[in-house]
Amino acid sequence: MTHLTITISDALLEKAIQKTSMQGISVEELIGNYLEEYVSQNPQPVVSARPIGLVKGKFSLPDSFFEPLPEELLDAFEGK
């Protein structure tokens, strides 16, 4: 079991307490039920790594890409 601390308004907590007393469940159960329903209705997409070499041969970098940047551009990155 994982412990979770949340911050909610007093008004929302009061509504949760009222709802749980009517349903005969705990606030913990109410939140758990809500999260289970939310997760089941909003699945997260599976993210997979892009394959290495995906654009191989589709473009090339000029040799100047590997040369040091001009001082004025470096200064601009450093906020000078």
C-alpha atoms as a PDB file:
ATOM      1  CA  MET A   1       0.000   0.000   0.000  1.00  0.00           C
ATOM      2  CA  THR A   2       1.210   3.494  -0.805  1.00  0.00           C
ATOM      3  CA  HIS A   3       0.444   6.485   1.354  1.00  0.00           C
ATOM      4  CA  LEU A   4      -0.633   9.653  -0.445  1.00  0.00           C
ATOM      5  CA  THR A   5      -1.117  13.107   0.990  1.00  0.00           C
ATOM      6  CA  ILE A   6      -3.503  15.444  -0.851  1.00  0.00           C
ATOM      7  CA  THR A   7      -4.653  18.976  -0.219  1.00  0.00           C
ATOM      8  CA  ILE A   8      -8.325  19.761  -0.843  1.00  0.00           C
ATOM      9  CA  SER A   9     -10.625  22.552   0.194  1.00  0.00           C
ATOM     10  CA  ASP A  10     -12.687  22.260   3.368  1.00  0.00           C
ATOM     11  CA  ALA A  11     -15.863  22.442   1.285  1.00  0.00           C
ATOM     12  CA  LEU A  12     -14.801  19.516  -0.911  1.00  0.00           C
ATOM     13  CA  LEU A  13     -13.798  17.460   2.103  1.00  0.00           C
ATOM     14  CA  GLU A  14     -17.192  18.135   3.695  1.00  0.00           C
ATOM     15  CA  LYS A  15     -18.942  16.956   0.516  1.00  0.00           C
ATOM     16  CA  ALA A  16     -16.797  13.805   0.505  1.00  0.00           C
ATOM     17  CA  ILE A  17     -17.626  13.100   4.150  1.00  0.00           C
ATOM     18  CA  GLN A  18     -21.357  13.573   3.475  1.00  0.00           C
ATOM     19  CA  LYS A  19     -21.233  11.295   0.440  1.00  0.00           C
ATOM     20  CA  THR A  20     -19.330   8.577   2.274  1.00  0.00           C
ATOM     21  CA  SER A  21     -21.701   8.657   5.226  1.00  0.00           C
ATOM     22  CA  MET A  22     -24.666   8.221   2.859  1.00  0.00           C
ATOM     23  CA  GLN A  23     -22.947   5.340   1.044  1.00  0.00           C
ATOM     24  CA  GLY A  24     -21.538   3.723   4.174  1.00  0.00           C
ATOM     25  CA  ILE A  25     -17.944   3.799   2.956  1.00  0.00           C
ATOM     26  CA  SER A  26     -14.766   5.587   4.055  1.00  0.00           C
ATOM     27  CA  VAL A  27     -13.268   8.631   2.360  1.00  0.00           C
ATOM     28  CA  GLU A  28     -10.334   6.392   1.445  1.00  0.00           C
ATOM     29  CA  GLU A  29     -12.703   4.013  -0.366  1.00  0.00           C
ATOM     30  CA  LEU A  30     -14.434   6.928  -2.114  1.00  0.00           C
ATOM     31  CA  ILE A  31     -11.127   8.270  -3.417  1.00  0.00           C
ATOM     32  CA  GLY A  32      -9.930   4.778  -4.358  1.00  0.00           C
ATOM     33  CA  ASN A  33     -13.147   4.077  -6.275  1.00  0.00           C
ATOM     34  CA  TYR A  34     -12.871   7.410  -8.095  1.00  0.00           C
ATOM     35  CA  LEU A  35      -9.241   6.791  -9.059  1.00  0.00           C
ATOM     36  CA  GLU A  36      -9.950   3.249 -10.272  1.00  0.00           C
ATOM     37  CA  GLU A  37     -12.791   4.515 -12.459  1.00  0.00           C
ATOM     38  CA  TYR A  38     -10.745   7.447 -13.748  1.00  0.00           C
ATOM     39  CA  VAL A  39      -7.772   5.262 -14.653  1.00  0.00           C
ATOM     40  CA  SER A  40      -9.957   2.685 -16.396  1.00  0.00           C
ATOM     41  CA  GLN A  41     -11.645   5.401 -18.492  1.00  0.00           C
ATOM     42  CA  ASN A  42      -8.425   7.319 -19.260  1.00  0.00           C
ATOM     43  CA  PRO A  43      -5.744   4.802 -20.194  1.00  0.00           C
ATOM     44  CA  GLN A  44      -2.281   6.203 -20.753  1.00  0.00           C
ATOM     45  CA  PRO A  45      -0.788   5.619 -24.198  1.00  0.00           C
ATOM     46  CA  VAL A  46       2.134   3.219 -24.364  1.00  0.00           C
ATOM     47  CA  VAL A  47       5.254   5.170 -25.229  1.00  0.00           C
ATOM     48  CA  SER A  48       7.988   3.243 -26.935  1.00  0.00           C
ATOM     49  CA  ALA A  49      11.480   4.371 -27.802  1.00  0.00           C
ATOM     50  CA  ARG A  50      12.104   5.456 -31.351  1.00  0.00           C
ATOM     51  CA  PRO A  51      14.305   3.066 -33.276  1.00  0.00           C
ATOM     52  CA  ILE A  52      17.932   4.073 -33.770  1.00  0.00           C
ATOM     53  CA  GLY A  53      18.680   5.232 -37.291  1.00  0.00           C
ATOM     54  CA  LEU A  54      15.103   6.208 -38.095  1.00  0.00           C
ATOM     55  CA  VAL A  55      16.158   8.992 -40.511  1.00  0.00           C
ATOM     56  CA  LYS A  56      19.503   7.580 -41.576  1.00  0.00           C
ATOM     57  CA  GLY A  57      20.381   8.773 -45.067  1.00  0.00           C
ATOM     58  CA  LYS A  58      17.509  11.288 -45.225  1.00  0.00           C
ATOM     59  CA  PHE A  59      19.648  14.312 -44.366  1.00  0.00           C
ATOM     60  CA  SER A  60      23.213  15.190 -43.510  1.00  0.00           C
ATOM     61  CA  LEU A  61      24.805  17.699 -41.202  1.00  0.00           C
ATOM     62  CA  PRO A  62      27.249  20.197 -42.655  1.00  0.00           C
ATOM     63  CA  ASP A  63      30.791  20.077 -41.288  1.00  0.00           C
ATOM     64  CA  SER A  64      30.230  23.537 -39.788  1.00  0.00           C
ATOM     65  CA  PHE A  65      27.737  21.961 -37.363  1.00  0.00           C
ATOM     66  CA  PHE A  66      30.650  20.579 -35.355  1.00  0.00           C
ATOM     67  CA  GLU A  67      32.615  23.842 -35.250  1.00  0.00           C
ATOM     68  CA  PRO A  68      32.573  25.943 -32.065  1.00  0.00           C
ATOM     69  CA  LEU A  69      29.831  28.569 -31.868  1.00  0.00           C
ATOM     70  CA  PRO A  70      30.788  32.233 -32.271  1.00  0.00           C
ATOM     71  CA  GLU A  71      31.436  34.065 -28.982  1.00  0.00           C
ATOM     72  CA  GLU A  72      28.501  36.447 -29.510  1.00  0.00           C
ATOM     73  CA  LEU A  73      26.104  33.509 -29.838  1.00  0.00           C
ATOM     74  CA  LEU A  74      27.538  31.810 -26.729  1.00  0.00           C
ATOM     75  CA  ASP A  75      27.152  35.098 -24.861  1.00  0.00           C
ATOM     76  CA  ALA A  76      23.513  35.322 -25.954  1.00  0.00           C
ATOM     77  CA  PHE A  77      22.836  31.823 -24.552  1.00  0.00           C
ATOM     78  CA  GLU A  78      24.466  32.883 -21.295  1.00  0.00           C
ATOM     79  CA  GLY A  79      22.415  36.089 -21.134  1.00  0.00           C
ATOM     80  CA  LYS A  80      25.403  38.394 -21.559  1.00  0.00           C
END
